[in-house]
Amino acid sequence: LRLNLALKKAIAWCTERKADAVLVLPADIPLVSSRDIDGMIELGSKEPSVILSPSLDGGMSALFLNPPNVIHPSFETGCFFENVEAAIKKDLNLRFYSSRGLALNAGSEENLQRLLQTANKTSVKLVFQQVVGGRQTSNK
């Protein structure tokens, strides 16, 4: 609920300052890359759009809105389909961007285990390895 209120305020701030679009990236997606960011922006920059990126746990990991106030987005449980419905109701360009870098969030123990099993050398992974007792994982 607090995240949605913060998101509403941030979008209002962007709208007041005449932003063309807004990209929402929660802090718990440690594998996100510039390629993912560029991909989402490219999908939605040409016309009024809602671009959603699903997470592995059935939620939403990222959101691109062009213009920023094109819908009133939600980041609560079940939010992915709420945002799909909001875009459909307004007959907007609705697209989906899927990548492992965006799909894997650090919001659950299961996802943290998945992160430890991925082939990456991010500082986030190194920290998680230390937290779980320095357990070594193989990089594939």
C-alpha atoms as a PDB file:
ATOM      1  CA  LEU A   1       0.000   0.000   0.000  1.00  0.00           C
ATOM      2  CA  ARG A   2       2.840   2.400   0.845  1.00  0.00           C
ATOM      3  CA  LEU A   3       4.603   1.546  -2.393  1.00  0.00           C
ATOM      4  CA  ASN A   4       1.487   2.405  -4.399  1.00  0.00           C
ATOM      5  CA  LEU A   5       1.171   5.745  -2.589  1.00  0.00           C
ATOM      6  CA  ALA A   6       4.840   6.515  -3.232  1.00  0.00           C
ATOM      7  CA  LEU A   7       4.409   5.492  -6.876  1.00  0.00           C
ATOM      8  CA  LYS A   8       1.376   7.773  -7.231  1.00  0.00           C
ATOM      9  CA  LYS A   9       3.348  10.707  -5.798  1.00  0.00           C
ATOM     10  CA  ALA A  10       6.367   9.983  -8.003  1.00  0.00           C
ATOM     11  CA  ILE A  11       4.225   9.817 -11.139  1.00  0.00           C
ATOM     12  CA  ALA A  12       2.500  13.084 -10.203  1.00  0.00           C
ATOM     13  CA  TRP A  13       5.933  14.682  -9.707  1.00  0.00           C
ATOM     14  CA  CYS A  14       7.066  13.434 -13.144  1.00  0.00           C
ATOM     15  CA  THR A  15       3.841  14.614 -14.776  1.00  0.00           C
ATOM     16  CA  GLU A  16       4.161  18.099 -13.243  1.00  0.00           C
ATOM     17  CA  ARG A  17       7.646  18.328 -14.721  1.00  0.00           C
ATOM     18  CA  LYS A  18       6.405  17.331 -18.188  1.00  0.00           C
ATOM     19  CA  ALA A  19       8.158  13.944 -18.314  1.00  0.00           C
ATOM     20  CA  ASP A  20       7.377  12.003 -21.481  1.00  0.00           C
ATOM     21  CA  ALA A  21       7.394   8.622 -19.734  1.00  0.00           C
ATOM     22  CA  VAL A  22       8.329   6.853 -16.526  1.00  0.00           C
ATOM     23  CA  LEU A  23      10.096   3.556 -15.860  1.00  0.00           C
ATOM     24  CA  VAL A  24       9.433   1.931 -12.488  1.00  0.00           C
ATOM     25  CA  LEU A  25      12.143  -0.462 -11.296  1.00  0.00           C
ATOM     26  CA  PRO A  26      11.856  -1.795  -7.740  1.00  0.00           C
ATOM     27  CA  ALA A  27      15.082  -2.162  -5.788  1.00  0.00           C
ATOM     28  CA  ASP A  28      14.750  -5.952  -5.442  1.00  0.00           C
ATOM     29  CA  ILE A  29      15.677  -6.931  -9.015  1.00  0.00           C
ATOM     30  CA  PRO A  30      19.434  -7.484  -8.696  1.00  0.00           C
ATOM     31  CA  LEU A  31      20.044  -8.880 -12.186  1.00  0.00           C
ATOM     32  CA  VAL A  32      18.501  -6.007 -14.154  1.00  0.00           C
ATOM     33  CA  SER A  33      20.725  -4.785 -16.970  1.00  0.00           C
ATOM     34  CA  SER A  34      20.925  -1.724 -19.178  1.00  0.00           C
ATOM     35  CA  ARG A  35      19.782  -4.001 -21.999  1.00  0.00           C
ATOM     36  CA  ASP A  36      16.544  -4.696 -20.077  1.00  0.00           C
ATOM     37  CA  ILE A  37      15.979  -1.002 -19.459  1.00  0.00           C
ATOM     38  CA  ASP A  38      16.637  -0.103 -23.095  1.00  0.00           C
ATOM     39  CA  GLY A  39      14.348  -2.924 -24.242  1.00  0.00           C
ATOM     40  CA  MET A  40      11.399  -1.747 -22.165  1.00  0.00           C
ATOM     41  CA  ILE A  41      11.838   1.867 -23.220  1.00  0.00           C
ATOM     42  CA  GLU A  42      12.131   0.908 -26.877  1.00  0.00           C
ATOM     43  CA  LEU A  43       8.882  -1.080 -26.718  1.00  0.00           C
ATOM     44  CA  GLY A  44       6.868   1.813 -25.351  1.00  0.00           C
ATOM     45  CA  SER A  45       8.399   5.058 -26.543  1.00  0.00           C
ATOM     46  CA  LYS A  46       6.632   5.556 -29.866  1.00  0.00           C
ATOM     47  CA  GLU A  47       3.003   5.802 -28.682  1.00  0.00           C
ATOM     48  CA  PRO A  48       0.968   5.867 -25.464  1.00  0.00           C
ATOM     49  CA  SER A  49       1.881   2.535 -23.907  1.00  0.00           C
ATOM     50  CA  VAL A  50       1.989   0.307 -20.882  1.00  0.00           C
ATOM     51  CA  ILE A  51       4.917  -2.115 -20.832  1.00  0.00           C
ATOM     52  CA  LEU A  52       4.879  -4.768 -18.102  1.00  0.00           C
ATOM     53  CA  SER A  53       7.625  -7.144 -17.079  1.00  0.00           C
ATOM     54  CA  PRO A  54       6.417 -10.236 -15.205  1.00  0.00           C
ATOM     55  CA  SER A  55       8.295 -11.672 -12.256  1.00  0.00           C
ATOM     56  CA  LEU A  56       8.838 -15.366 -11.576  1.00  0.00           C
ATOM     57  CA  ASP A  57       6.526 -15.237  -8.567  1.00  0.00           C
ATOM     58  CA  GLY A  58       3.523 -14.102 -10.615  1.00  0.00           C
ATOM     59  CA  GLY A  59       3.875 -10.434  -9.842  1.00  0.00           C
ATOM     60  CA  MET A  60       5.381  -7.574 -11.764  1.00  0.00           C
ATOM     61  CA  SER A  61       9.035  -6.630 -11.710  1.00  0.00           C
ATOM     62  CA  ALA A  62       9.077  -3.498 -13.867  1.00  0.00           C
ATOM     63  CA  LEU A  63       6.688  -1.066 -15.482  1.00  0.00           C
ATOM     64  CA  PHE A  64       7.062   1.518 -18.251  1.00  0.00           C
ATOM     65  CA  LEU A  65       4.332   4.129 -18.709  1.00  0.00           C
ATOM     66  CA  ASN A  66       4.135   6.498 -21.662  1.00  0.00           C
ATOM     67  CA  PRO A  67       2.937   9.067 -20.669  1.00  0.00           C
ATOM     68  CA  PRO A  68       3.543   8.705 -16.930  1.00  0.00           C
ATOM     69  CA  ASN A  69      -0.125   9.050 -15.985  1.00  0.00           C
ATOM     70  CA  VAL A  70      -1.565   6.812 -18.726  1.00  0.00           C
ATOM     71  CA  ILE A  71      -2.930   4.447 -15.999  1.00  0.00           C
ATOM     72  CA  HIS A  72      -2.954   4.359 -12.204  1.00  0.00           C
ATOM     73  CA  PRO A  73      -0.545   1.453 -11.670  1.00  0.00           C
ATOM     74  CA  SER A  74      -0.446  -0.962  -8.771  1.00  0.00           C
ATOM     75  CA  PHE A  75       2.460  -2.906  -7.271  1.00  0.00           C
ATOM     76  CA  GLU A  76       0.415  -4.975  -4.818  1.00  0.00           C
ATOM     77  CA  THR A  77      -0.384  -8.705  -4.837  1.00  0.00           C
ATOM     78  CA  GLY A  78      -2.056  -9.577  -8.131  1.00  0.00           C
ATOM     79  CA  CYS A  79      -0.908  -6.287  -9.604  1.00  0.00           C
ATOM     80  CA  PHE A  80       0.242  -7.724 -12.920  1.00  0.00           C
ATOM     81  CA  PHE A  81      -3.291  -8.518 -14.042  1.00  0.00           C
ATOM     82  CA  GLU A  82      -4.709  -5.331 -12.512  1.00  0.00           C
ATOM     83  CA  ASN A  83      -2.310  -3.325 -14.672  1.00  0.00           C
ATOM     84  CA  VAL A  84      -3.130  -5.412 -17.752  1.00  0.00           C
ATOM     85  CA  GLU A  85      -6.832  -4.745 -17.174  1.00  0.00           C
ATOM     86  CA  ALA A  86      -6.253  -1.000 -16.690  1.00  0.00           C
ATOM     87  CA  ALA A  87      -4.366  -0.792 -20.002  1.00  0.00           C
ATOM     88  CA  ILE A  88      -7.004  -2.829 -21.857  1.00  0.00           C
ATOM     89  CA  LYS A  89      -9.832  -0.662 -20.511  1.00  0.00           C
ATOM     90  CA  LYS A  90      -8.110   2.397 -21.966  1.00  0.00           C
ATOM     91  CA  ASP A  91      -7.353   0.602 -25.253  1.00  0.00           C
ATOM     92  CA  LEU A  92      -3.643   1.337 -24.896  1.00  0.00           C
ATOM     93  CA  ASN A  93      -0.657  -0.236 -26.538  1.00  0.00           C
ATOM     94  CA  LEU A  94       0.016  -3.042 -24.052  1.00  0.00           C
ATOM     95  CA  ARG A  95       3.200  -5.050 -24.359  1.00  0.00           C
ATOM     96  CA  PHE A  96       5.196  -7.408 -22.232  1.00  0.00           C
ATOM     97  CA  TYR A  97       8.942  -7.480 -21.737  1.00  0.00           C
ATOM     98  CA  SER A  98      10.336 -10.671 -20.281  1.00  0.00           C
ATOM     99  CA  SER A  99      13.907 -11.401 -19.286  1.00  0.00           C
ATOM    100  CA  ARG A 100      15.628 -13.370 -16.556  1.00  0.00           C
ATOM    101  CA  GLY A 101      17.276 -10.182 -15.357  1.00  0.00           C
ATOM    102  CA  LEU A 102      13.912  -8.627 -14.593  1.00  0.00           C
ATOM    103  CA  ALA A 103      11.957 -11.769 -13.697  1.00  0.00           C
ATOM    104  CA  LEU A 104      14.074 -12.710 -10.697  1.00  0.00           C
ATOM    105  CA  ASN A 105      13.463 -10.485  -7.703  1.00  0.00           C
ATOM    106  CA  ALA A 106      14.899 -10.876  -4.230  1.00  0.00           C
ATOM    107  CA  GLY A 107      11.514 -10.843  -2.541  1.00  0.00           C
ATOM    108  CA  SER A 108      11.453 -14.406  -1.231  1.00  0.00           C
ATOM    109  CA  GLU A 109      13.775 -17.097   0.076  1.00  0.00           C
ATOM    110  CA  GLU A 110      13.024 -19.217  -2.996  1.00  0.00           C
ATOM    111  CA  ASN A 111      14.063 -16.373  -5.300  1.00  0.00           C
ATOM    112  CA  LEU A 112      17.243 -15.782  -3.298  1.00  0.00           C
ATOM    113  CA  GLN A 113      18.110 -19.463  -3.830  1.00  0.00           C
ATOM    114  CA  ARG A 114      17.477 -19.009  -7.563  1.00  0.00           C
ATOM    115  CA  LEU A 115      19.771 -15.994  -7.526  1.00  0.00           C
ATOM    116  CA  LEU A 116      22.535 -18.034  -5.912  1.00  0.00           C
ATOM    117  CA  GLN A 117      22.162 -20.652  -8.658  1.00  0.00           C
ATOM    118  CA  THR A 118      22.389 -18.213 -11.556  1.00  0.00           C
ATOM    119  CA  ALA A 119      25.545 -17.733 -13.541  1.00  0.00           C
ATOM    120  CA  ASN A 120      26.456 -14.196 -12.586  1.00  0.00           C
ATOM    121  CA  LYS A 121      29.092 -12.395 -10.599  1.00  0.00           C
ATOM    122  CA  THR A 122      27.092  -9.454  -9.333  1.00  0.00           C
ATOM    123  CA  SER A 123      27.933  -7.888  -5.997  1.00  0.00           C
ATOM    124  CA  VAL A 124      24.402  -8.762  -4.849  1.00  0.00           C
ATOM    125  CA  LYS A 125      25.085 -12.448  -5.433  1.00  0.00           C
ATOM    126  CA  LEU A 126      28.393 -12.229  -3.574  1.00  0.00           C
ATOM    127  CA  VAL A 127      26.664 -10.617  -0.587  1.00  0.00           C
ATOM    128  CA  PHE A 128      23.943 -13.296  -0.555  1.00  0.00           C
ATOM    129  CA  GLN A 129      26.614 -16.004  -0.681  1.00  0.00           C
ATOM    130  CA  GLN A 130      28.236 -14.498   2.399  1.00  0.00           C
ATOM    131  CA  VAL A 131      24.887 -14.233   4.194  1.00  0.00           C
ATOM    132  CA  VAL A 132      24.127 -17.924   3.686  1.00  0.00           C
ATOM    133  CA  GLY A 133      27.443 -18.907   5.187  1.00  0.00           C
ATOM    134  CA  GLY A 134      29.810 -18.464   2.299  1.00  0.00           C
ATOM    135  CA  ARG A 135      28.288 -21.358   0.418  1.00  0.00           C
ATOM    136  CA  GLN A 136      29.901 -21.657  -2.983  1.00  0.00           C
ATOM    137  CA  THR A 137      27.683 -21.902  -6.046  1.00  0.00           C
ATOM    138  CA  SER A 138      28.763 -22.970  -9.448  1.00  0.00           C
ATOM    139  CA  ASN A 139      28.769 -20.458 -12.258  1.00  0.00           C
ATOM    140  CA  LYS A 140      27.496 -22.144 -15.363  1.00  0.00           C
END
